Amino acid sequence: MGTPDFALYSLRAMVEAGEDVVAVVTQPDQPKGRGYVLTPPPVKVYAADRGIPVYQPATLKDGAFAQTLASIDPDLIVVTAYGKILPAYVLDYPRYGCVNVHASLLPLYRGAAPMQRAIMDGQPQTGVTTMMMDAGLDTGDILLQGVVPIAPNDNLEDVHDRMGEVGASVLSETIRAIRAGTLVRIPQDGTMATYAAKIEKGDCLLDFSQPASAVHNRIRALSPVPLAFTRLPDGKLLKIVRSEVASSAPSAPAGTVTSLSDGAVTVACGSGSLRLLELVPEGKSRMTAAAFINGRKLKPGDRLG
């Protein structure tokens, strides 16, 4: 089960390992892009190309999916970034249970946005956990884990792709251990748990009164989607794709543009400065900061925010 690309890594790993994938259950097609074109999830496309049946129930809560589940009759259910709570009739059905591929080193970063929150917090590493699902939110027993490093300038896309590869490997190892009967279940220590809340629009608004490193972490955690943003002096939206912490720290109020040179818009923060390198101005396409500077009436001393 799954919708984003992260789920595709899990499905591909099972297919390439020769596992008998009897069906894929994923979210309904969603409108995407400026034209709101109805777009299938990547796992649906991958599965359909290989003749694997695909099901896209709008909900699992009403029990209507129970009959379909019985017809599929899976021995094991693998859940990756599905985005829906599994009711008891699903959790209790398969012989070997439901295994979740979660994008964190549980019990850290339980919840909907573990990758984004780890980057936002400036963590030097995160990882992938396979977990035996129960009725709680990411509270089931840990099966296996794999560590994923996070470099200082990695964005969400960088980490996501690395996590997908590690997750696929950990899942394959988990399935082999289940089949061999050698898997050891490790209960989570709930006292060590942290929560990775869903990314809301308010999370995307930049606060330049924070240290430059914190603003930089927020930008990279939200790039390439949904993108962190600020506002220009005229009130127009300015989304930030890429940044770096500046070596200099000029004395200026937070949010003040201190330089428009060397291909960057440099902005003073609560401590330190940040160089904005790639931007998306309101109504425009992604561009370099140099191109933005050439086409806009922005000057040192202007305030963003």
C-alpha atoms as a PDB file:
ATOM      1  CA  MET A   1       0.000   0.000   0.000  1.00  0.00           C
ATOM      2  CA  GLY A   2       1.301   3.494  -0.708  1.00  0.00           C
ATOM      3  CA  THR A   3       1.047   6.711  -2.686  1.00  0.00           C
ATOM      4  CA  PRO A   4       4.284   8.726  -2.913  1.00  0.00           C
ATOM      5  CA  ASP A   5       7.467   7.660  -4.657  1.00  0.00           C
ATOM      6  CA  PHE A   6       8.855   6.334  -1.359  1.00  0.00           C
ATOM      7  CA  ALA A   7       6.351   3.483  -1.641  1.00  0.00           C
ATOM      8  CA  LEU A   8       7.593   2.672  -5.132  1.00  0.00           C
ATOM      9  CA  TYR A   9      10.973   1.610  -3.745  1.00  0.00           C
ATOM     10  CA  SER A  10       9.264  -0.998  -1.554  1.00  0.00           C
ATOM     11  CA  LEU A  11       7.122  -2.358  -4.375  1.00  0.00           C
ATOM     12  CA  ARG A  12      10.032  -2.521  -6.792  1.00  0.00           C
ATOM     13  CA  ALA A  13      12.186  -4.340  -4.225  1.00  0.00           C
ATOM     14  CA  MET A  14       9.531  -7.029  -3.741  1.00  0.00           C
ATOM     15  CA  VAL A  15       8.933  -7.500  -7.462  1.00  0.00           C
ATOM     16  CA  GLU A  16      12.650  -7.680  -8.259  1.00  0.00           C
ATOM     17  CA  ALA A  17      13.150 -10.198  -5.432  1.00  0.00           C
ATOM     18  CA  GLY A  18      10.548 -12.440  -7.038  1.00  0.00           C
ATOM     19  CA  GLU A  19       7.981 -12.064  -4.263  1.00  0.00           C
ATOM     20  CA  ASP A  20       4.416 -13.007  -5.156  1.00  0.00           C
ATOM     21  CA  VAL A  21       2.834  -9.564  -5.024  1.00  0.00           C
ATOM     22  CA  VAL A  22      -0.856 -10.424  -5.343  1.00  0.00           C
ATOM     23  CA  ALA A  23      -2.178  -6.836  -5.338  1.00  0.00           C
ATOM     24  CA  VAL A  24      -1.367  -3.184  -4.731  1.00  0.00           C
ATOM     25  CA  VAL A  25      -3.682  -0.977  -2.683  1.00  0.00           C
ATOM     26  CA  THR A  26      -3.066   2.741  -3.055  1.00  0.00           C
ATOM     27  CA  GLN A  27      -4.751   6.131  -2.848  1.00  0.00           C
ATOM     28  CA  PRO A  28      -7.216   7.277  -5.534  1.00  0.00           C
ATOM     29  CA  ASP A  29      -5.818   9.263  -8.461  1.00  0.00           C
ATOM     30  CA  GLN A  30      -5.281  12.914  -7.530  1.00  0.00           C
ATOM     31  CA  PRO A  31      -5.410  16.155  -9.573  1.00  0.00           C
ATOM     32  CA  LYS A  32      -1.876  17.494 -10.103  1.00  0.00           C
ATOM     33  CA  GLY A  33      -0.218  20.538 -11.647  1.00  0.00           C
ATOM     34  CA  ARG A  34      -1.665  23.779 -12.908  1.00  0.00           C
ATOM     35  CA  GLY A  35      -4.166  21.957 -15.092  1.00  0.00           C
ATOM     36  CA  TYR A  36      -5.296  19.723 -12.212  1.00  0.00           C
ATOM     37  CA  VAL A  37      -4.878  16.668 -14.402  1.00  0.00           C
ATOM     38  CA  LEU A  38      -6.016  13.476 -12.664  1.00  0.00           C
ATOM     39  CA  THR A  39      -2.740  11.620 -12.019  1.00  0.00           C
ATOM     40  CA  PRO A  40      -2.270   8.032 -10.795  1.00  0.00           C
ATOM     41  CA  PRO A  41       0.141   7.246  -7.931  1.00  0.00           C
ATOM     42  CA  PRO A  42       3.530   5.945  -9.149  1.00  0.00           C
ATOM     43  CA  VAL A  43       2.924   2.532  -7.580  1.00  0.00           C
ATOM     44  CA  LYS A  44      -0.268   2.175  -9.617  1.00  0.00           C
ATOM     45  CA  VAL A  45       1.596   2.816 -12.870  1.00  0.00           C
ATOM     46  CA  TYR A  46       4.399   0.420 -11.918  1.00  0.00           C
ATOM     47  CA  ALA A  47       1.972  -2.313 -10.851  1.00  0.00           C
ATOM     48  CA  ALA A  48      -0.302  -1.930 -13.880  1.00  0.00           C
ATOM     49  CA  ASP A  49       2.681  -2.227 -16.222  1.00  0.00           C
ATOM     50  CA  ARG A  50       3.451  -5.602 -14.636  1.00  0.00           C
ATOM     51  CA  GLY A  51      -0.081  -6.942 -14.559  1.00  0.00           C
ATOM     52  CA  ILE A  52      -0.474  -6.622 -10.789  1.00  0.00           C
ATOM     53  CA  PRO A  53      -4.071  -5.852  -9.758  1.00  0.00           C
ATOM     54  CA  VAL A  54      -4.506  -2.366  -8.258  1.00  0.00           C
ATOM     55  CA  TYR A  55      -7.219  -1.270  -5.817  1.00  0.00           C
ATOM     56  CA  GLN A  56      -7.890   2.341  -4.813  1.00  0.00           C
ATOM     57  CA  PRO A  57     -10.566   2.459  -2.113  1.00  0.00           C
ATOM     58  CA  ALA A  58     -11.636   5.953  -1.063  1.00  0.00           C
ATOM     59  CA  THR A  59     -11.859   4.725   2.526  1.00  0.00           C
ATOM     60  CA  LEU A  60     -11.213   1.619   4.580  1.00  0.00           C
ATOM     61  CA  LYS A  61     -13.310   2.715   7.543  1.00  0.00           C
ATOM     62  CA  ASP A  62     -16.728   1.528   6.357  1.00  0.00           C
ATOM     63  CA  GLY A  63     -15.664  -2.106   5.994  1.00  0.00           C
ATOM     64  CA  ALA A  64     -16.578  -2.265   2.315  1.00  0.00           C
ATOM     65  CA  PHE A  65     -12.997  -3.279   1.478  1.00  0.00           C
ATOM     66  CA  ALA A  66     -13.250  -6.442   3.610  1.00  0.00           C
ATOM     67  CA  GLN A  67     -14.692  -8.510   0.783  1.00  0.00           C
ATOM     68  CA  THR A  68     -11.952  -7.381  -1.600  1.00  0.00           C
ATOM     69  CA  LEU A  69      -9.319  -8.159   1.026  1.00  0.00           C
ATOM     70  CA  ALA A  70     -10.687 -11.680   1.403  1.00  0.00           C
ATOM     71  CA  SER A  71     -10.542 -12.197  -2.351  1.00  0.00           C
ATOM     72  CA  ILE A  72      -6.904 -11.046  -2.429  1.00  0.00           C
ATOM     73  CA  ASP A  73      -6.144 -13.217   0.639  1.00  0.00           C
ATOM     74  CA  PRO A  74      -2.606 -11.933   1.409  1.00  0.00           C
ATOM     75  CA  ASP A  75      -0.263 -13.785   3.783  1.00  0.00           C
ATOM     76  CA  LEU A  76       1.568 -10.503   4.505  1.00  0.00           C
ATOM     77  CA  ILE A  77       0.661  -6.848   3.990  1.00  0.00           C
ATOM     78  CA  VAL A  78       3.471  -4.332   3.455  1.00  0.00           C
ATOM     79  CA  VAL A  79       2.517  -0.703   4.139  1.00  0.00           C
ATOM     80  CA  THR A  80       4.653   2.184   2.924  1.00  0.00           C
ATOM     81  CA  ALA A  81       3.519   5.827   3.184  1.00  0.00           C
ATOM     82  CA  TYR A  82      -0.116   4.862   2.649  1.00  0.00           C
ATOM     83  CA  GLY A  83      -1.539   7.866   4.485  1.00  0.00           C
ATOM     84  CA  LYS A  84      -4.581   6.059   5.931  1.00  0.00           C
ATOM     85  CA  ILE A  85      -5.158   4.361   9.281  1.00  0.00           C
ATOM     86  CA  LEU A  86      -5.660   0.628   8.856  1.00  0.00           C
ATOM     87  CA  PRO A  87      -8.753  -0.648  10.686  1.00  0.00           C
ATOM     88  CA  ALA A  88      -8.652  -3.819  12.780  1.00  0.00           C
ATOM     89  CA  TYR A  89     -10.150  -6.032  10.067  1.00  0.00           C
ATOM     90  CA  VAL A  90      -7.149  -5.219   7.842  1.00  0.00           C
ATOM     91  CA  LEU A  91      -4.497  -5.415  10.563  1.00  0.00           C
ATOM     92  CA  ASP A  92      -5.783  -8.779  11.784  1.00  0.00           C
ATOM     93  CA  TYR A  93      -6.242 -10.437   8.388  1.00  0.00           C
ATOM     94  CA  PRO A  94      -2.836 -11.597   7.096  1.00  0.00           C
ATOM     95  CA  ARG A  95      -1.147 -14.650   8.528  1.00  0.00           C
ATOM     96  CA  TYR A  96       2.165 -12.849   9.032  1.00  0.00           C
ATOM     97  CA  GLY A  97       0.656  -9.481   9.984  1.00  0.00           C
ATOM     98  CA  CYS A  98       1.134  -6.012   8.534  1.00  0.00           C
ATOM     99  CA  VAL A  99       4.693  -4.684   8.186  1.00  0.00           C
ATOM    100  CA  ASN A 100       5.183  -0.930   7.891  1.00  0.00           C
ATOM    101  CA  VAL A 101       8.228   0.626   6.228  1.00  0.00           C
ATOM    102  CA  HIS A 102       8.586   3.859   8.215  1.00  0.00           C
ATOM    103  CA  ALA A 103      10.978   6.657   7.278  1.00  0.00           C
ATOM    104  CA  SER A 104      12.667   7.179  10.640  1.00  0.00           C
ATOM    105  CA  LEU A 105      14.594   5.355  13.332  1.00  0.00           C
ATOM    106  CA  LEU A 106      11.616   4.595  15.544  1.00  0.00           C
ATOM    107  CA  PRO A 107      10.601   5.538  18.179  1.00  0.00           C
ATOM    108  CA  LEU A 108      11.947   8.858  16.867  1.00  0.00           C
ATOM    109  CA  TYR A 109       9.732  10.815  14.453  1.00  0.00           C
ATOM    110  CA  ARG A 110       6.518   8.862  14.589  1.00  0.00           C
ATOM    111  CA  GLY A 111       3.877  10.421  12.358  1.00  0.00           C
ATOM    112  CA  ALA A 112       3.264  11.812   8.885  1.00  0.00           C
ATOM    113  CA  ALA A 113       6.419  13.795   8.019  1.00  0.00           C
ATOM    114  CA  PRO A 114       9.472  12.070   9.508  1.00  0.00           C
ATOM    115  CA  MET A 115      11.917  12.994   6.735  1.00  0.00           C
ATOM    116  CA  GLN A 116      10.952  16.673   6.692  1.00  0.00           C
ATOM    117  CA  ARG A 117      11.043  17.023  10.473  1.00  0.00           C
ATOM    118  CA  ALA A 118      14.437  15.334  10.793  1.00  0.00           C
ATOM    119  CA  ILE A 119      15.964  17.715   8.247  1.00  0.00           C
ATOM    120  CA  MET A 120      14.180  20.692   9.815  1.00  0.00           C
ATOM    121  CA  ASP A 121      15.673  19.755  13.180  1.00  0.00           C
ATOM    122  CA  GLY A 122      19.164  19.681  11.675  1.00  0.00           C
ATOM    123  CA  GLN A 123      19.670  15.989  12.406  1.00  0.00           C
ATOM    124  CA  PRO A 124      22.921  14.502  11.024  1.00  0.00           C
ATOM    125  CA  GLN A 125      21.211  11.187  10.345  1.00  0.00           C
ATOM    126  CA  THR A 126      17.866   9.450  10.177  1.00  0.00           C
ATOM    127  CA  GLY A 127      16.898   6.024   8.900  1.00  0.00           C
ATOM    128  CA  VAL A 128      14.260   3.467   7.979  1.00  0.00           C
ATOM    129  CA  THR A 129      12.447   1.071  10.296  1.00  0.00           C
ATOM    130  CA  THR A 130      10.367  -1.966   9.440  1.00  0.00           C
ATOM    131  CA  MET A 131       7.719  -2.308  12.134  1.00  0.00           C
ATOM    132  CA  MET A 132       4.992  -4.825  12.932  1.00  0.00           C
ATOM    133  CA  MET A 133       1.874  -2.676  12.851  1.00  0.00           C
ATOM    134  CA  ASP A 134      -0.613  -2.435  15.712  1.00  0.00           C
ATOM    135  CA  ALA A 135      -3.569  -0.148  16.408  1.00  0.00           C
ATOM    136  CA  GLY A 136      -1.356   2.761  17.544  1.00  0.00           C
ATOM    137  CA  LEU A 137       0.356   5.466  15.490  1.00  0.00           C
ATOM    138  CA  ASP A 138       3.750   3.973  14.581  1.00  0.00           C
ATOM    139  CA  THR A 139       3.899   2.222  17.962  1.00  0.00           C
ATOM    140  CA  GLY A 140       4.370  -1.401  16.849  1.00  0.00           C
ATOM    141  CA  ASP A 141       7.361  -3.618  17.501  1.00  0.00           C
ATOM    142  CA  ILE A 142      10.570  -2.749  15.635  1.00  0.00           C
ATOM    143  CA  LEU A 143      11.796  -5.435  13.240  1.00  0.00           C
ATOM    144  CA  LEU A 144      14.871  -4.110  11.406  1.00  0.00           C
ATOM    145  CA  GLN A 145      16.460  -0.692  10.863  1.00  0.00           C
ATOM    146  CA  GLY A 146      18.893   1.008   8.483  1.00  0.00           C
ATOM    147  CA  VAL A 147      20.699   4.309   9.076  1.00  0.00           C
ATOM    148  CA  VAL A 148      20.706   7.132   6.508  1.00  0.00           C
ATOM    149  CA  PRO A 149      23.129  10.092   6.857  1.00  0.00           C
ATOM    150  CA  ILE A 150      21.939  13.663   6.237  1.00  0.00           C
ATOM    151  CA  ALA A 151      24.587  16.083   4.912  1.00  0.00           C
ATOM    152  CA  PRO A 152      24.362  19.785   5.902  1.00  0.00           C
ATOM    153  CA  ASN A 153      23.019  20.869   2.504  1.00  0.00           C
ATOM    154  CA  ASP A 154      20.875  17.829   1.648  1.00  0.00           C
ATOM    155  CA  ASN A 155      17.301  18.706   0.777  1.00  0.00           C
ATOM    156  CA  LEU A 156      14.176  16.549   1.048  1.00  0.00           C
ATOM    157  CA  GLU A 157      14.673  15.039  -2.402  1.00  0.00           C
ATOM    158  CA  ASP A 158      18.240  13.969  -1.567  1.00  0.00           C
ATOM    159  CA  VAL A 159      17.192  12.333   1.684  1.00  0.00           C
ATOM    160  CA  HIS A 160      14.025  10.798   0.207  1.00  0.00           C
ATOM    161  CA  ASP A 161      15.938   8.985  -2.550  1.00  0.00           C
ATOM    162  CA  ARG A 162      18.563   7.708  -0.132  1.00  0.00           C
ATOM    163  CA  MET A 163      15.836   6.584   2.284  1.00  0.00           C
ATOM    164  CA  GLY A 164      13.997   4.784  -0.499  1.00  0.00           C
ATOM    165  CA  GLU A 165      17.041   2.691  -1.377  1.00  0.00           C
ATOM    166  CA  VAL A 166      17.791   1.829   2.252  1.00  0.00           C
ATOM    167  CA  GLY A 167      14.110   1.134   2.935  1.00  0.00           C
ATOM    168  CA  ALA A 168      13.922  -1.303   0.033  1.00  0.00           C
ATOM    169  CA  SER A 169      16.970  -3.169   1.342  1.00  0.00           C
ATOM    170  CA  VAL A 170      15.641  -3.313   4.909  1.00  0.00           C
ATOM    171  CA  LEU A 171      12.241  -4.516   3.684  1.00  0.00           C
ATOM    172  CA  SER A 172      13.807  -7.306   1.603  1.00  0.00           C
ATOM    173  CA  GLU A 173      15.838  -8.436   4.609  1.00  0.00           C
ATOM    174  CA  THR A 174      12.720  -8.305   6.785  1.00  0.00           C
ATOM    175  CA  ILE A 175      10.693 -10.493   4.410  1.00  0.00           C
ATOM    176  CA  ARG A 176      13.529 -13.032   4.212  1.00  0.00           C
ATOM    177  CA  ALA A 177      13.669 -13.183   8.021  1.00  0.00           C
ATOM    178  CA  ILE A 178       9.888 -13.617   8.271  1.00  0.00           C
ATOM    179  CA  ARG A 179      10.045 -16.488   5.816  1.00  0.00           C
ATOM    180  CA  ALA A 180      12.954 -18.090   7.711  1.00  0.00           C
ATOM    181  CA  GLY A 181      11.277 -17.602  11.093  1.00  0.00           C
ATOM    182  CA  THR A 182      14.313 -15.748  12.473  1.00  0.00           C
ATOM    183  CA  LEU A 183      12.786 -12.310  12.978  1.00  0.00           C
ATOM    184  CA  VAL A 184      13.089 -10.800  16.457  1.00  0.00           C
ATOM    185  CA  ARG A 185      10.467  -8.229  17.479  1.00  0.00           C
ATOM    186  CA  ILE A 186      11.715  -5.378  19.680  1.00  0.00           C
ATOM    187  CA  PRO A 187       9.102  -3.365  21.611  1.00  0.00           C
ATOM    188  CA  GLN A 188       9.480   0.385  21.259  1.00  0.00           C
ATOM    189  CA  ASP A 189      10.497   2.522  24.228  1.00  0.00           C
ATOM    190  CA  GLY A 190       7.624   4.999  24.285  1.00  0.00           C
ATOM    191  CA  THR A 191       9.525   7.345  26.609  1.00  0.00           C
ATOM    192  CA  MET A 192      11.971   8.020  23.760  1.00  0.00           C
ATOM    193  CA  ALA A 193       9.283   8.766  21.154  1.00  0.00           C
ATOM    194  CA  THR A 194       9.055  12.024  19.210  1.00  0.00           C
ATOM    195  CA  TYR A 195       6.320  13.105  16.817  1.00  0.00           C
ATOM    196  CA  ALA A 196       6.657  14.267  13.198  1.00  0.00           C
ATOM    197  CA  ALA A 197       3.494  16.248  12.519  1.00  0.00           C
ATOM    198  CA  LYS A 198       2.092  16.659   9.014  1.00  0.00           C
ATOM    199  CA  ILE A 199       3.520  19.653   7.125  1.00  0.00           C
ATOM    200  CA  GLU A 200       1.002  22.511   7.139  1.00  0.00           C
ATOM    201  CA  LYS A 201       1.144  25.816   5.267  1.00  0.00           C
ATOM    202  CA  GLY A 202       2.249  27.595   8.424  1.00  0.00           C
ATOM    203  CA  ASP A 203       5.337  25.390   8.557  1.00  0.00           C
ATOM    204  CA  CYS A 204       6.427  26.829   5.203  1.00  0.00           C
ATOM    205  CA  LEU A 205       6.563  30.481   6.284  1.00  0.00           C
ATOM    206  CA  LEU A 206      10.149  31.522   7.013  1.00  0.00           C
ATOM    207  CA  ASP A 207      10.994  33.356  10.228  1.00  0.00           C
ATOM    208  CA  PHE A 208      14.256  35.227   9.732  1.00  0.00           C
ATOM    209  CA  SER A 209      14.446  36.033  13.442  1.00  0.00           C
ATOM    210  CA  GLN A 210      15.646  32.444  13.882  1.00  0.00           C
ATOM    211  CA  PRO A 211      19.336  31.554  13.480  1.00  0.00           C
ATOM    212  CA  ALA A 212      20.496  31.266   9.862  1.00  0.00           C
ATOM    213  CA  SER A 213      21.096  27.527  10.309  1.00  0.00           C
ATOM    214  CA  ALA A 214      17.480  26.976  11.414  1.00  0.00           C
ATOM    215  CA  VAL A 215      16.088  28.941   8.453  1.00  0.00           C
ATOM    216  CA  HIS A 216      18.369  26.985   6.099  1.00  0.00           C
ATOM    217  CA  ASN A 217      17.198  23.676   7.583  1.00  0.00           C
ATOM    218  CA  ARG A 218      13.556  24.637   7.033  1.00  0.00           C
ATOM    219  CA  ILE A 219      14.225  25.571   3.405  1.00  0.00           C
ATOM    220  CA  ARG A 220      15.953  22.303   2.562  1.00  0.00           C
ATOM    221  CA  ALA A 221      13.368  20.227   4.473  1.00  0.00           C
ATOM    222  CA  LEU A 222      10.630  21.643   2.221  1.00  0.00           C
ATOM    223  CA  SER A 223      12.489  21.518  -1.103  1.00  0.00           C
ATOM    224  CA  PRO A 224      11.502  20.646  -3.791  1.00  0.00           C
ATOM    225  CA  VAL A 225       7.939  20.507  -2.406  1.00  0.00           C
ATOM    226  CA  PRO A 226       6.010  22.287  -1.026  1.00  0.00           C
ATOM    227  CA  LEU A 227       8.794  24.954  -0.689  1.00  0.00           C
ATOM    228  CA  ALA A 228       9.357  27.414   2.128  1.00  0.00           C
ATOM    229  CA  PHE A 229       8.350  30.993   1.417  1.00  0.00           C
ATOM    230  CA  THR A 230       8.661  34.609   2.492  1.00  0.00           C
ATOM    231  CA  ARG A 231       7.227  37.836   1.123  1.00  0.00           C
ATOM    232  CA  LEU A 232       8.850  40.643  -0.832  1.00  0.00           C
ATOM    233  CA  PRO A 233       8.456  44.303   0.226  1.00  0.00           C
ATOM    234  CA  ASP A 234       5.510  44.610  -2.205  1.00  0.00           C
ATOM    235  CA  GLY A 235       3.758  41.689  -0.512  1.00  0.00           C
ATOM    236  CA  LYS A 236       4.313  39.173  -3.304  1.00  0.00           C
ATOM    237  CA  LEU A 237       5.204  35.611  -2.454  1.00  0.00           C
ATOM    238  CA  LEU A 238       8.788  34.413  -2.833  1.00  0.00           C
ATOM    239  CA  LYS A 239       9.428  30.676  -2.515  1.00  0.00           C
ATOM    240  CA  ILE A 240      12.935  29.478  -1.715  1.00  0.00           C
ATOM    241  CA  VAL A 241      14.356  26.380  -3.405  1.00  0.00           C
ATOM    242  CA  ARG A 242      17.973  26.440  -2.245  1.00  0.00           C
ATOM    243  CA  SER A 243      20.075  28.344   0.271  1.00  0.00           C
ATOM    244  CA  GLU A 244      23.320  28.213   2.191  1.00  0.00           C
ATOM    245  CA  VAL A 245      24.483  29.690   5.458  1.00  0.00           C
ATOM    246  CA  ALA A 246      26.716  32.711   4.809  1.00  0.00           C
ATOM    247  CA  SER A 247      30.163  32.966   6.329  1.00  0.00           C
ATOM    248  CA  SER A 248      29.620  36.623   7.241  1.00  0.00           C
ATOM    249  CA  ALA A 249      27.167  37.936   9.831  1.00  0.00           C
ATOM    250  CA  PRO A 250      26.416  41.619   9.172  1.00  0.00           C
ATOM    251  CA  SER A 251      24.639  43.619  11.859  1.00  0.00           C
ATOM    252  CA  ALA A 252      21.143  44.287  10.518  1.00  0.00           C
ATOM    253  CA  PRO A 253      17.569  43.585  11.618  1.00  0.00           C
ATOM    254  CA  ALA A 254      16.326  40.081  10.852  1.00  0.00           C
ATOM    255  CA  GLY A 255      14.901  39.793   7.343  1.00  0.00           C
ATOM    256  CA  THR A 256      16.978  42.648   5.937  1.00  0.00           C
ATOM    257  CA  VAL A 257      18.553  42.163   2.524  1.00  0.00           C
ATOM    258  CA  THR A 258      22.229  42.919   3.113  1.00  0.00           C
ATOM    259  CA  SER A 259      23.704  42.002  -0.279  1.00  0.00           C
ATOM    260  CA  LEU A 260      22.713  41.278  -3.889  1.00  0.00           C
ATOM    261  CA  SER A 261      26.087  40.083  -5.133  1.00  0.00           C
ATOM    262  CA  ASP A 262      27.896  36.843  -5.949  1.00  0.00           C
ATOM    263  CA  GLY A 263      24.734  35.258  -7.319  1.00  0.00           C
ATOM    264  CA  ALA A 264      22.788  35.363  -4.068  1.00  0.00           C
ATOM    265  CA  VAL A 265      20.258  37.366  -2.108  1.00  0.00           C
ATOM    266  CA  THR A 266      21.861  37.584   1.333  1.00  0.00           C
ATOM    267  CA  VAL A 267      19.460  38.081   4.231  1.00  0.00           C
ATOM    268  CA  ALA A 268      20.221  38.846   7.873  1.00  0.00           C
ATOM    269  CA  CYS A 269      18.814  36.358  10.380  1.00  0.00           C
ATOM    270  CA  GLY A 270      18.433  36.333  14.157  1.00  0.00           C
ATOM    271  CA  SER A 271      22.039  35.188  14.233  1.00  0.00           C
ATOM    272  CA  GLY A 272      24.160  34.925  11.104  1.00  0.00           C
ATOM    273  CA  SER A 273      23.083  35.441   7.500  1.00  0.00           C
ATOM    274  CA  LEU A 274      21.593  33.276   4.786  1.00  0.00           C
ATOM    275  CA  ARG A 275      22.344  33.257   1.058  1.00  0.00           C
ATOM    276  CA  LEU A 276      19.246  32.530  -1.040  1.00  0.00           C
ATOM    277  CA  LEU A 277      20.446  30.797  -4.234  1.00  0.00           C
ATOM    278  CA  GLU A 278      17.374  29.505  -6.109  1.00  0.00           C
ATOM    279  CA  LEU A 279      13.916  31.056  -5.957  1.00  0.00           C
ATOM    280  CA  VAL A 280      10.379  30.902  -7.315  1.00  0.00           C
ATOM    281  CA  PRO A 281       8.822  34.389  -7.459  1.00  0.00           C
ATOM    282  CA  GLU A 282       5.036  34.587  -7.413  1.00  0.00           C
ATOM    283  CA  GLY A 283       3.641  33.743 -10.849  1.00  0.00           C
ATOM    284  CA  LYS A 284       7.074  32.793 -12.212  1.00  0.00           C
ATOM    285  CA  SER A 285       9.123  29.678 -12.787  1.00  0.00           C
ATOM    286  CA  ARG A 286      12.079  28.499 -10.747  1.00  0.00           C
ATOM    287  CA  MET A 287      15.153  30.652 -11.303  1.00  0.00           C
ATOM    288  CA  THR A 288      18.596  31.390  -9.943  1.00  0.00           C
ATOM    289  CA  ALA A 289      19.002  34.232  -7.488  1.00  0.00           C
ATOM    290  CA  ALA A 290      21.199  35.973 -10.069  1.00  0.00           C
ATOM    291  CA  ALA A 291      18.344  35.977 -12.599  1.00  0.00           C
ATOM    292  CA  PHE A 292      15.931  37.176  -9.946  1.00  0.00           C
ATOM    293  CA  ILE A 293      18.236  40.049  -8.955  1.00  0.00           C
ATOM    294  CA  ASN A 294      18.546  41.175 -12.577  1.00  0.00           C
ATOM    295  CA  GLY A 295      14.811  41.268 -13.097  1.00  0.00           C
ATOM    296  CA  ARG A 296      13.521  42.715  -9.836  1.00  0.00           C
ATOM    297  CA  LYS A 297      13.698  46.016  -8.014  1.00  0.00           C
ATOM    298  CA  LEU A 298      15.145  44.620  -4.824  1.00  0.00           C
ATOM    299  CA  LYS A 299      17.885  46.553  -3.062  1.00  0.00           C
ATOM    300  CA  PRO A 300      20.034  46.230   0.054  1.00  0.00           C
ATOM    301  CA  GLY A 301      18.083  47.437   3.062  1.00  0.00           C
ATOM    302  CA  ASP A 302      14.760  45.972   1.876  1.00  0.00           C
ATOM    303  CA  ARG A 303      12.994  43.639   4.293  1.00  0.00           C
ATOM    304  CA  LEU A 304      11.643  40.172   3.578  1.00  0.00           C
ATOM    305  CA  GLY A 305       8.943  38.554   5.651  1.00  0.00           C
END
